[in-house]
Amino acid sequence: MSVTTVTMAQGDGRAAERQQTQRAATVDQPTEPPPFDPALYAHESETRLQKSADDGRATSPPTKLHDKLRDSCEDLLAVVAAETGSRNPRGEAALSTRPTLGSVPVLLVAREDLEWFHLEPPARALLAIVDGETTVEELRVASHTDIADGLAVLEALAKAGFVAFGHPRTSG
């Protein structure tokens, strides 16, 4: 064994011994109470929170981002409602994840977010013309897509959460 190795071994032993001594000293020391009354502090904090909630100040109106977020949540709720057979919060007929030629696809993802997703060209082409008013049949004709292929692509997009299908609006 070299001199350096012996010195390191002795140094390591002293460091470990010092750590054990420090731990023992910490364990023997009692925990001191805080310099304040925790119950009084909690009570005062709650009182301040209640006063700030009741101060009567008007809050600012929601931003346009809030409206967009609310609408997107309602779209997602409509999909869930469709799958459970219920109606959405506005009482409208539920949306479906199964396309029919007479159904109207509705985007569930913001159009500007579509570029972030890896989509096959047929899916991207169909999503580009989805406007929430045009039926699946009209989209299929406009995109020159075969019926079976178009329905398969739209159903895959619905399963992935990009679109849902509703009924066309009737004028009246």
N, C-alpha and C. Protein backbone atom coordinates (compact mmCIF):
# COMPACT_ATOMS: atom_id res chain seq x y z
N MET A 1 0.85 -1.18 0.00
CA MET A 1 0.00 0.00 0.00
C MET A 1 0.89 1.23 0.00
N SER A 2 0.56 2.18 -0.79
CA SER A 2 1.39 3.39 -0.87
C SER A 2 1.01 4.36 0.25
N VAL A 3 1.82 5.35 0.43
CA VAL A 3 1.60 6.37 1.47
C VAL A 3 0.34 7.17 1.16
N THR A 4 0.11 7.48 -0.09
CA THR A 4 -1.06 8.25 -0.49
C THR A 4 -2.34 7.51 -0.14
N THR A 5 -2.37 6.21 -0.40
CA THR A 5 -3.55 5.40 -0.12
C THR A 5 -3.84 5.36 1.37
N VAL A 6 -2.83 5.22 2.20
CA VAL A 6 -3.01 5.18 3.64
C VAL A 6 -3.55 6.50 4.14
N THR A 7 -3.00 7.60 3.64
CA THR A 7 -3.45 8.93 4.06
C THR A 7 -4.92 9.13 3.69
N MET A 8 -5.31 8.72 2.49
CA MET A 8 -6.70 8.87 2.06
C MET A 8 -7.61 8.01 2.92
N ALA A 9 -7.18 6.81 3.24
CA ALA A 9 -8.01 5.92 4.05
C ALA A 9 -8.22 6.53 5.42
N GLN A 10 -7.16 7.12 6.01
CA GLN A 10 -7.31 7.73 7.32
C GLN A 10 -8.20 8.97 7.23
N GLY A 11 -8.05 9.75 6.16
CA GLY A 11 -8.89 10.94 5.97
C GLY A 11 -10.35 10.57 5.84
N ASP A 12 -10.67 9.52 5.09
CA ASP A 12 -12.05 9.09 4.92
C ASP A 12 -12.64 8.65 6.25
N GLY A 13 -11.88 7.97 7.06
CA GLY A 13 -12.36 7.50 8.37
C GLY A 13 -12.68 8.66 9.28
N ARG A 14 -11.86 9.70 9.25
CA ARG A 14 -12.11 10.88 10.12
C ARG A 14 -13.36 11.62 9.67
N ALA A 15 -13.56 11.73 8.36
CA ALA A 15 -14.74 12.43 7.84
C ALA A 15 -16.01 11.69 8.24
N ALA A 16 -15.98 10.37 8.12
CA ALA A 16 -17.15 9.57 8.50
C ALA A 16 -17.41 9.69 9.99
N GLU A 17 -16.34 9.71 10.79
CA GLU A 17 -16.49 9.84 12.24
C GLU A 17 -17.10 11.19 12.60
N ARG A 18 -16.67 12.28 11.91
CA ARG A 18 -17.23 13.61 12.16
C ARG A 18 -18.71 13.66 11.79
N GLN A 19 -19.08 13.02 10.68
CA GLN A 19 -20.49 13.00 10.27
C GLN A 19 -21.35 12.28 11.29
N GLN A 20 -20.86 11.16 11.82
CA GLN A 20 -21.62 10.43 12.83
C GLN A 20 -21.79 11.27 14.08
N THR A 21 -20.75 12.00 14.50
CA THR A 21 -20.83 12.86 15.67
C THR A 21 -21.85 13.97 15.45
N GLN A 22 -21.85 14.57 14.26
CA GLN A 22 -22.80 15.64 13.96
C GLN A 22 -24.23 15.11 13.97
N ARG A 23 -24.49 13.93 13.39
CA ARG A 23 -25.82 13.34 13.39
C ARG A 23 -26.29 13.08 14.81
N ALA A 24 -25.43 12.53 15.65
CA ALA A 24 -25.79 12.24 17.03
C ALA A 24 -26.14 13.52 17.77
N ALA A 25 -25.41 14.60 17.54
CA ALA A 25 -25.69 15.87 18.20
C ALA A 25 -27.03 16.43 17.74
N THR A 26 -27.36 16.27 16.47
CA THR A 26 -28.63 16.76 15.94
C THR A 26 -29.80 15.97 16.51
N VAL A 27 -29.67 14.67 16.64
CA VAL A 27 -30.73 13.83 17.16
C VAL A 27 -31.01 14.16 18.62
N ASP A 28 -30.00 14.51 19.40
CA ASP A 28 -30.17 14.79 20.82
C ASP A 28 -30.79 16.15 21.07
N GLN A 29 -30.76 17.07 20.08
CA GLN A 29 -31.31 18.40 20.29
C GLN A 29 -32.82 18.38 20.13
N PRO A 30 -33.55 18.97 21.06
CA PRO A 30 -35.01 19.02 20.91
C PRO A 30 -35.38 20.03 19.82
N THR A 31 -36.52 19.81 19.19
CA THR A 31 -37.01 20.74 18.18
C THR A 31 -37.60 21.95 18.89
N GLU A 32 -37.20 23.11 18.49
CA GLU A 32 -37.70 24.33 19.12
C GLU A 32 -39.00 24.74 18.44
N PRO A 33 -39.96 25.24 19.21
CA PRO A 33 -41.20 25.72 18.60
C PRO A 33 -40.93 26.99 17.80
N PRO A 34 -41.76 27.28 16.80
CA PRO A 34 -41.55 28.50 16.01
C PRO A 34 -41.76 29.74 16.88
N PRO A 35 -41.22 30.88 16.47
CA PRO A 35 -41.33 32.10 17.26
C PRO A 35 -42.71 32.76 17.16
N PHE A 36 -43.73 32.03 16.68
CA PHE A 36 -45.09 32.56 16.58
C PHE A 36 -46.06 31.44 16.91
N ASP A 37 -47.32 31.79 17.14
CA ASP A 37 -48.35 30.81 17.44
C ASP A 37 -48.93 30.31 16.10
N PRO A 38 -48.69 29.05 15.73
CA PRO A 38 -49.17 28.54 14.44
C PRO A 38 -50.69 28.63 14.30
N ALA A 39 -51.45 28.38 15.36
CA ALA A 39 -52.91 28.44 15.27
C ALA A 39 -53.38 29.86 15.00
N LEU A 40 -52.77 30.84 15.67
CA LEU A 40 -53.13 32.23 15.46
C LEU A 40 -52.75 32.67 14.03
N TYR A 41 -51.58 32.25 13.57
CA TYR A 41 -51.14 32.57 12.22
C TYR A 41 -52.13 32.02 11.18
N ALA A 42 -52.56 30.78 11.35
CA ALA A 42 -53.51 30.16 10.42
C ALA A 42 -54.83 30.92 10.43
N HIS A 43 -55.30 31.29 11.62
CA HIS A 43 -56.58 32.02 11.73
C HIS A 43 -56.49 33.38 11.03
N GLU A 44 -55.40 34.10 11.25
CA GLU A 44 -55.23 35.41 10.63
C GLU A 44 -55.12 35.30 9.11
N SER A 45 -54.45 34.28 8.64
CA SER A 45 -54.32 34.07 7.19
C SER A 45 -55.68 33.81 6.56
N GLU A 46 -56.48 32.96 7.19
CA GLU A 46 -57.82 32.66 6.68
C GLU A 46 -58.69 33.90 6.67
N THR A 47 -58.59 34.70 7.71
CA THR A 47 -59.37 35.93 7.80
C THR A 47 -59.00 36.89 6.67
N ARG A 48 -57.70 37.02 6.40
CA ARG A 48 -57.27 37.90 5.30
C ARG A 48 -57.78 37.39 3.96
N LEU A 49 -57.78 36.08 3.75
CA LEU A 49 -58.28 35.52 2.49
C LEU A 49 -59.76 35.78 2.32
N GLN A 50 -60.52 35.61 3.38
CA GLN A 50 -61.96 35.84 3.30
C GLN A 50 -62.27 37.31 3.04
N LYS A 51 -61.52 38.22 3.67
CA LYS A 51 -61.74 39.65 3.45
C LYS A 51 -61.44 40.02 2.00
N SER A 52 -60.37 39.46 1.43
CA SER A 52 -60.03 39.80 0.05
C SER A 52 -61.06 39.24 -0.93
N ALA A 53 -61.68 38.12 -0.61
CA ALA A 53 -62.71 37.55 -1.48
C ALA A 53 -64.01 38.35 -1.40
N ASP A 54 -64.24 39.00 -0.27
CA ASP A 54 -65.49 39.75 -0.06
C ASP A 54 -65.33 41.25 -0.25
N ASP A 55 -64.23 41.72 -0.83
CA ASP A 55 -63.99 43.16 -0.88
C ASP A 55 -64.85 43.88 -1.91
N GLY A 56 -65.57 43.14 -2.76
CA GLY A 56 -66.51 43.75 -3.69
C GLY A 56 -65.88 44.36 -4.92
N ARG A 57 -64.59 44.22 -5.09
CA ARG A 57 -63.96 44.77 -6.29
C ARG A 57 -64.41 43.97 -7.51
N ALA A 58 -64.63 44.66 -8.58
CA ALA A 58 -65.03 43.98 -9.81
C ALA A 58 -63.82 43.32 -10.45
N THR A 59 -64.03 42.20 -11.04
CA THR A 59 -62.95 41.53 -11.76
C THR A 59 -63.03 41.95 -13.23
N SER A 60 -61.95 41.79 -13.92
CA SER A 60 -61.94 42.15 -15.33
C SER A 60 -62.71 41.10 -16.12
N PRO A 61 -63.31 41.52 -17.23
CA PRO A 61 -64.05 40.54 -18.04
C PRO A 61 -63.10 39.53 -18.66
N PRO A 62 -63.61 38.34 -18.98
CA PRO A 62 -62.76 37.32 -19.59
C PRO A 62 -62.24 37.79 -20.95
N THR A 63 -61.08 37.30 -21.30
CA THR A 63 -60.48 37.66 -22.58
C THR A 63 -61.04 36.78 -23.69
N LYS A 64 -60.67 37.09 -24.94
CA LYS A 64 -61.11 36.27 -26.07
C LYS A 64 -60.54 34.86 -25.97
N LEU A 65 -59.36 34.74 -25.36
CA LEU A 65 -58.77 33.43 -25.17
C LEU A 65 -59.68 32.56 -24.30
N HIS A 66 -60.34 33.18 -23.32
CA HIS A 66 -61.28 32.45 -22.47
C HIS A 66 -62.43 31.89 -23.30
N ASP A 67 -62.97 32.72 -24.20
CA ASP A 67 -64.07 32.27 -25.05
C ASP A 67 -63.64 31.10 -25.92
N LYS A 68 -62.44 31.20 -26.48
CA LYS A 68 -61.93 30.12 -27.33
C LYS A 68 -61.75 28.83 -26.52
N LEU A 69 -61.20 28.97 -25.32
CA LEU A 69 -61.00 27.82 -24.46
C LEU A 69 -62.35 27.21 -24.06
N ARG A 70 -63.30 28.06 -23.69
CA ARG A 70 -64.63 27.57 -23.31
C ARG A 70 -65.27 26.81 -24.47
N ASP A 71 -65.19 27.39 -25.67
CA ASP A 71 -65.79 26.74 -26.83
C ASP A 71 -65.11 25.40 -27.12
N SER A 72 -63.79 25.34 -26.99
CA SER A 72 -63.10 24.08 -27.26
C SER A 72 -63.49 23.03 -26.23
N CYS A 73 -63.70 23.45 -24.98
CA CYS A 73 -64.14 22.50 -23.95
C CYS A 73 -65.53 21.99 -24.25
N GLU A 74 -66.41 22.88 -24.74
CA GLU A 74 -67.76 22.45 -25.08
C GLU A 74 -67.72 21.45 -26.24
N ASP A 75 -66.79 21.66 -27.19
CA ASP A 75 -66.66 20.70 -28.28
C ASP A 75 -66.26 19.33 -27.75
N LEU A 76 -65.31 19.30 -26.83
CA LEU A 76 -64.89 18.03 -26.25
C LEU A 76 -66.00 17.41 -25.43
N LEU A 77 -66.75 18.23 -24.70
CA LEU A 77 -67.89 17.72 -23.93
C LEU A 77 -68.93 17.11 -24.87
N ALA A 78 -69.08 17.73 -26.04
CA ALA A 78 -70.04 17.20 -27.00
C ALA A 78 -69.63 15.82 -27.47
N VAL A 79 -68.34 15.60 -27.67
CA VAL A 79 -67.86 14.28 -28.08
C VAL A 79 -68.15 13.25 -26.99
N VAL A 80 -67.85 13.62 -25.76
CA VAL A 80 -68.12 12.71 -24.64
C VAL A 80 -69.62 12.44 -24.54
N ALA A 81 -70.41 13.50 -24.71
CA ALA A 81 -71.87 13.33 -24.66
C ALA A 81 -72.34 12.40 -25.76
N ALA A 82 -71.73 12.52 -26.94
CA ALA A 82 -72.12 11.66 -28.06
C ALA A 82 -71.83 10.20 -27.75
N GLU A 83 -70.70 9.96 -27.13
CA GLU A 83 -70.34 8.58 -26.84
C GLU A 83 -71.15 7.99 -25.69
N THR A 84 -71.71 8.86 -24.85
CA THR A 84 -72.53 8.37 -23.74
C THR A 84 -74.02 8.47 -24.06
N GLY A 85 -74.34 9.05 -25.23
CA GLY A 85 -75.74 9.13 -25.64
C GLY A 85 -76.49 10.29 -25.02
N SER A 86 -75.82 11.25 -24.43
CA SER A 86 -76.51 12.38 -23.81
C SER A 86 -76.42 13.60 -24.73
N ARG A 87 -76.83 14.74 -24.21
CA ARG A 87 -76.79 15.98 -24.98
C ARG A 87 -75.73 16.89 -24.40
N ASN A 88 -75.24 17.85 -25.21
CA ASN A 88 -74.21 18.75 -24.72
C ASN A 88 -74.81 19.84 -23.84
N PRO A 89 -73.99 20.68 -23.19
CA PRO A 89 -74.50 21.67 -22.24
C PRO A 89 -75.50 22.66 -22.84
N ARG A 90 -75.44 22.92 -24.13
CA ARG A 90 -76.38 23.85 -24.75
C ARG A 90 -77.69 23.16 -25.14
N GLY A 91 -77.78 21.86 -24.89
CA GLY A 91 -78.98 21.12 -25.24
C GLY A 91 -79.04 20.72 -26.70
N GLU A 92 -77.94 20.91 -27.42
CA GLU A 92 -77.92 20.54 -28.84
C GLU A 92 -77.75 19.03 -28.95
N ALA A 93 -78.11 18.50 -30.10
CA ALA A 93 -77.92 17.08 -30.33
C ALA A 93 -76.44 16.73 -30.23
N ALA A 94 -76.17 15.60 -29.71
CA ALA A 94 -74.79 15.19 -29.46
C ALA A 94 -74.04 14.94 -30.76
N LEU A 95 -72.73 15.13 -30.70
CA LEU A 95 -71.86 14.83 -31.83
C LEU A 95 -71.47 13.37 -31.76
N SER A 96 -71.02 12.85 -32.89
CA SER A 96 -70.64 11.45 -32.98
C SER A 96 -69.21 11.31 -33.47
N THR A 97 -68.63 10.15 -33.22
CA THR A 97 -67.29 9.87 -33.76
C THR A 97 -67.38 8.99 -34.99
N ARG A 98 -68.60 8.67 -35.45
CA ARG A 98 -68.79 7.84 -36.65
C ARG A 98 -69.36 8.71 -37.76
N PRO A 99 -68.62 8.85 -38.86
CA PRO A 99 -69.12 9.68 -39.96
C PRO A 99 -70.18 8.97 -40.79
N THR A 100 -71.13 9.75 -41.25
CA THR A 100 -72.09 9.29 -42.26
C THR A 100 -72.02 10.32 -43.38
N LEU A 101 -72.52 9.99 -44.55
CA LEU A 101 -72.44 10.91 -45.67
C LEU A 101 -73.20 12.20 -45.40
N GLY A 102 -74.25 12.14 -44.57
CA GLY A 102 -75.05 13.33 -44.28
C GLY A 102 -74.59 14.10 -43.06
N SER A 103 -73.61 13.58 -42.33
CA SER A 103 -73.16 14.27 -41.11
C SER A 103 -72.20 15.40 -41.46
N VAL A 104 -72.02 16.31 -40.50
CA VAL A 104 -71.16 17.47 -40.70
C VAL A 104 -69.96 17.36 -39.76
N PRO A 105 -68.74 17.25 -40.31
CA PRO A 105 -67.56 17.19 -39.45
C PRO A 105 -67.27 18.57 -38.84
N VAL A 106 -66.89 18.54 -37.57
CA VAL A 106 -66.55 19.75 -36.83
C VAL A 106 -65.14 19.57 -36.29
N LEU A 107 -64.27 20.57 -36.50
CA LEU A 107 -62.91 20.49 -35.97
C LEU A 107 -62.93 20.60 -34.45
N LEU A 108 -62.18 19.73 -33.79
CA LEU A 108 -62.03 19.78 -32.34
C LEU A 108 -60.67 20.33 -31.95
N VAL A 109 -59.84 20.59 -32.94
CA VAL A 109 -58.49 21.12 -32.74
C VAL A 109 -58.43 22.45 -33.48
N ALA A 110 -57.77 23.42 -32.89
CA ALA A 110 -57.64 24.71 -33.56
C ALA A 110 -56.92 24.52 -34.89
N ARG A 111 -57.44 25.15 -35.90
CA ARG A 111 -56.89 24.99 -37.25
C ARG A 111 -55.39 25.30 -37.29
N GLU A 112 -54.97 26.33 -36.56
CA GLU A 112 -53.54 26.69 -36.58
C GLU A 112 -52.68 25.64 -35.89
N ASP A 113 -53.27 24.77 -35.06
CA ASP A 113 -52.50 23.71 -34.40
C ASP A 113 -52.32 22.47 -35.27
N LEU A 114 -53.08 22.37 -36.34
CA LEU A 114 -53.01 21.18 -37.20
C LEU A 114 -51.63 20.98 -37.82
N GLU A 115 -50.93 22.07 -38.08
CA GLU A 115 -49.61 21.94 -38.72
C GLU A 115 -48.61 21.22 -37.83
N TRP A 116 -48.86 21.15 -36.53
CA TRP A 116 -47.94 20.49 -35.60
C TRP A 116 -48.07 18.97 -35.64
N PHE A 117 -49.15 18.47 -36.19
CA PHE A 117 -49.39 17.04 -36.20
C PHE A 117 -48.92 16.41 -37.51
N HIS A 118 -48.39 15.20 -37.39
CA HIS A 118 -48.00 14.45 -38.58
C HIS A 118 -49.26 13.78 -39.11
N LEU A 119 -49.75 14.29 -40.22
CA LEU A 119 -50.97 13.75 -40.84
C LEU A 119 -50.67 13.36 -42.27
N GLU A 120 -51.28 12.28 -42.70
CA GLU A 120 -51.12 11.85 -44.08
C GLU A 120 -51.80 12.87 -45.00
N PRO A 121 -51.33 12.98 -46.24
CA PRO A 121 -51.91 13.97 -47.17
C PRO A 121 -53.43 13.88 -47.33
N PRO A 122 -54.04 12.67 -47.43
CA PRO A 122 -55.51 12.65 -47.56
C PRO A 122 -56.21 13.24 -46.33
N ALA A 123 -55.69 12.96 -45.15
CA ALA A 123 -56.29 13.49 -43.92
C ALA A 123 -56.12 15.01 -43.87
N ARG A 124 -54.93 15.48 -44.21
CA ARG A 124 -54.66 16.92 -44.20
C ARG A 124 -55.55 17.63 -45.22
N ALA A 125 -55.76 17.02 -46.38
CA ALA A 125 -56.60 17.62 -47.43
C ALA A 125 -58.04 17.75 -46.97
N LEU A 126 -58.56 16.70 -46.32
CA LEU A 126 -59.94 16.77 -45.83
C LEU A 126 -60.07 17.79 -44.69
N LEU A 127 -59.12 17.80 -43.77
CA LEU A 127 -59.19 18.76 -42.66
C LEU A 127 -59.13 20.20 -43.15
N ALA A 128 -58.43 20.43 -44.26
CA ALA A 128 -58.29 21.78 -44.79
C ALA A 128 -59.63 22.37 -45.23
N ILE A 129 -60.58 21.51 -45.59
CA ILE A 129 -61.87 22.03 -46.06
C ILE A 129 -63.01 21.80 -45.08
N VAL A 130 -62.72 21.25 -43.90
CA VAL A 130 -63.75 21.10 -42.86
C VAL A 130 -64.08 22.50 -42.34
N ASP A 131 -65.38 22.86 -42.41
CA ASP A 131 -65.78 24.20 -41.97
C ASP A 131 -66.92 24.18 -40.95
N GLY A 132 -67.37 22.99 -40.55
CA GLY A 132 -68.45 22.90 -39.57
C GLY A 132 -69.83 23.05 -40.16
N GLU A 133 -69.91 23.23 -41.48
CA GLU A 133 -71.21 23.38 -42.15
C GLU A 133 -71.38 22.42 -43.32
N THR A 134 -70.28 22.04 -43.94
CA THR A 134 -70.31 21.19 -45.13
C THR A 134 -70.43 19.73 -44.71
N THR A 135 -71.30 18.98 -45.37
CA THR A 135 -71.49 17.57 -45.02
C THR A 135 -70.32 16.73 -45.51
N VAL A 136 -70.23 15.52 -44.98
CA VAL A 136 -69.18 14.59 -45.39
C VAL A 136 -69.27 14.32 -46.89
N GLU A 137 -70.46 14.14 -47.40
CA GLU A 137 -70.64 13.89 -48.83
C GLU A 137 -70.10 15.05 -49.66
N GLU A 138 -70.41 16.28 -49.26
CA GLU A 138 -69.94 17.45 -50.00
C GLU A 138 -68.41 17.58 -49.91
N LEU A 139 -67.85 17.27 -48.74
CA LEU A 139 -66.39 17.29 -48.59
C LEU A 139 -65.74 16.24 -49.47
N ARG A 140 -66.35 15.08 -49.51
CA ARG A 140 -65.81 13.98 -50.31
C ARG A 140 -65.78 14.37 -51.79
N VAL A 141 -66.85 14.97 -52.26
CA VAL A 141 -66.92 15.39 -53.66
C VAL A 141 -65.89 16.50 -53.92
N ALA A 142 -65.81 17.47 -53.04
CA ALA A 142 -64.88 18.59 -53.22
C ALA A 142 -63.42 18.13 -53.21
N SER A 143 -63.12 17.08 -52.44
CA SER A 143 -61.74 16.60 -52.35
C SER A 143 -61.44 15.46 -53.31
N HIS A 144 -62.44 15.08 -54.12
CA HIS A 144 -62.30 13.98 -55.09
C HIS A 144 -61.85 12.69 -54.39
N THR A 145 -62.48 12.39 -53.26
CA THR A 145 -62.13 11.22 -52.45
C THR A 145 -63.18 10.14 -52.63
N ASP A 146 -62.75 8.91 -52.74
CA ASP A 146 -63.64 7.75 -52.80
C ASP A 146 -64.46 7.67 -51.51
N ILE A 147 -65.69 7.18 -51.59
CA ILE A 147 -66.57 7.11 -50.41
C ILE A 147 -65.92 6.32 -49.29
N ALA A 148 -65.50 5.10 -49.57
CA ALA A 148 -64.93 4.25 -48.52
C ALA A 148 -63.66 4.87 -47.93
N ASP A 149 -62.78 5.39 -48.79
CA ASP A 149 -61.54 6.00 -48.31
C ASP A 149 -61.83 7.25 -47.48
N GLY A 150 -62.74 8.09 -47.96
CA GLY A 150 -63.08 9.32 -47.26
C GLY A 150 -63.65 9.05 -45.87
N LEU A 151 -64.59 8.07 -45.82
CA LEU A 151 -65.18 7.72 -44.52
C LEU A 151 -64.12 7.13 -43.58
N ALA A 152 -63.24 6.32 -44.12
CA ALA A 152 -62.19 5.71 -43.28
C ALA A 152 -61.24 6.78 -42.73
N VAL A 153 -60.85 7.73 -43.57
CA VAL A 153 -59.95 8.80 -43.13
C VAL A 153 -60.65 9.65 -42.06
N LEU A 154 -61.91 10.02 -42.29
CA LEU A 154 -62.62 10.85 -41.33
C LEU A 154 -62.86 10.11 -40.01
N GLU A 155 -63.14 8.83 -40.09
CA GLU A 155 -63.33 8.06 -38.86
C GLU A 155 -62.02 7.97 -38.07
N ALA A 156 -60.91 7.79 -38.77
CA ALA A 156 -59.61 7.76 -38.09
C ALA A 156 -59.30 9.12 -37.45
N LEU A 157 -59.64 10.20 -38.13
CA LEU A 157 -59.44 11.54 -37.57
C LEU A 157 -60.31 11.75 -36.32
N ALA A 158 -61.53 11.19 -36.36
CA ALA A 158 -62.42 11.31 -35.20
C ALA A 158 -61.87 10.51 -34.02
N LYS A 159 -61.39 9.31 -34.29
CA LYS A 159 -60.83 8.48 -33.21
C LYS A 159 -59.59 9.13 -32.60
N ALA A 160 -58.84 9.89 -33.42
CA ALA A 160 -57.65 10.58 -32.93
C ALA A 160 -58.00 11.90 -32.24
N GLY A 161 -59.28 12.30 -32.29
CA GLY A 161 -59.71 13.51 -31.59
C GLY A 161 -59.62 14.80 -32.39
N PHE A 162 -59.47 14.70 -33.70
CA PHE A 162 -59.39 15.89 -34.53
C PHE A 162 -60.76 16.43 -34.93
N VAL A 163 -61.71 15.53 -35.16
CA VAL A 163 -63.05 15.93 -35.59
C VAL A 163 -64.11 15.11 -34.86
N ALA A 164 -65.33 15.63 -34.90
CA ALA A 164 -66.52 14.90 -34.47
C ALA A 164 -67.59 15.23 -35.50
N PHE A 165 -68.67 14.50 -35.48
CA PHE A 165 -69.68 14.65 -36.52
C PHE A 165 -71.03 14.98 -35.91
N GLY A 166 -71.67 16.03 -36.46
CA GLY A 166 -72.99 16.43 -36.03
C GLY A 166 -73.94 16.34 -37.19
N HIS A 167 -75.14 16.84 -36.94
CA HIS A 167 -76.15 16.85 -37.98
C HIS A 167 -76.18 18.21 -38.63
N PRO A 168 -76.48 18.27 -39.93
CA PRO A 168 -76.52 19.58 -40.59
C PRO A 168 -77.59 20.47 -39.96
N ARG A 169 -77.30 21.78 -39.94
CA ARG A 169 -78.29 22.71 -39.40
C ARG A 169 -79.42 22.87 -40.40
N THR A 170 -80.62 22.91 -39.88
CA THR A 170 -81.76 23.12 -40.76
C THR A 170 -82.16 24.58 -40.67
N SER A 171 -82.39 25.21 -41.81
CA SER A 171 -82.78 26.61 -41.81
C SER A 171 -84.25 26.69 -41.47
N GLY A 172 -84.57 27.67 -40.68
CA GLY A 172 -85.98 27.77 -40.37
C GLY A 172 -86.20 28.76 -39.41
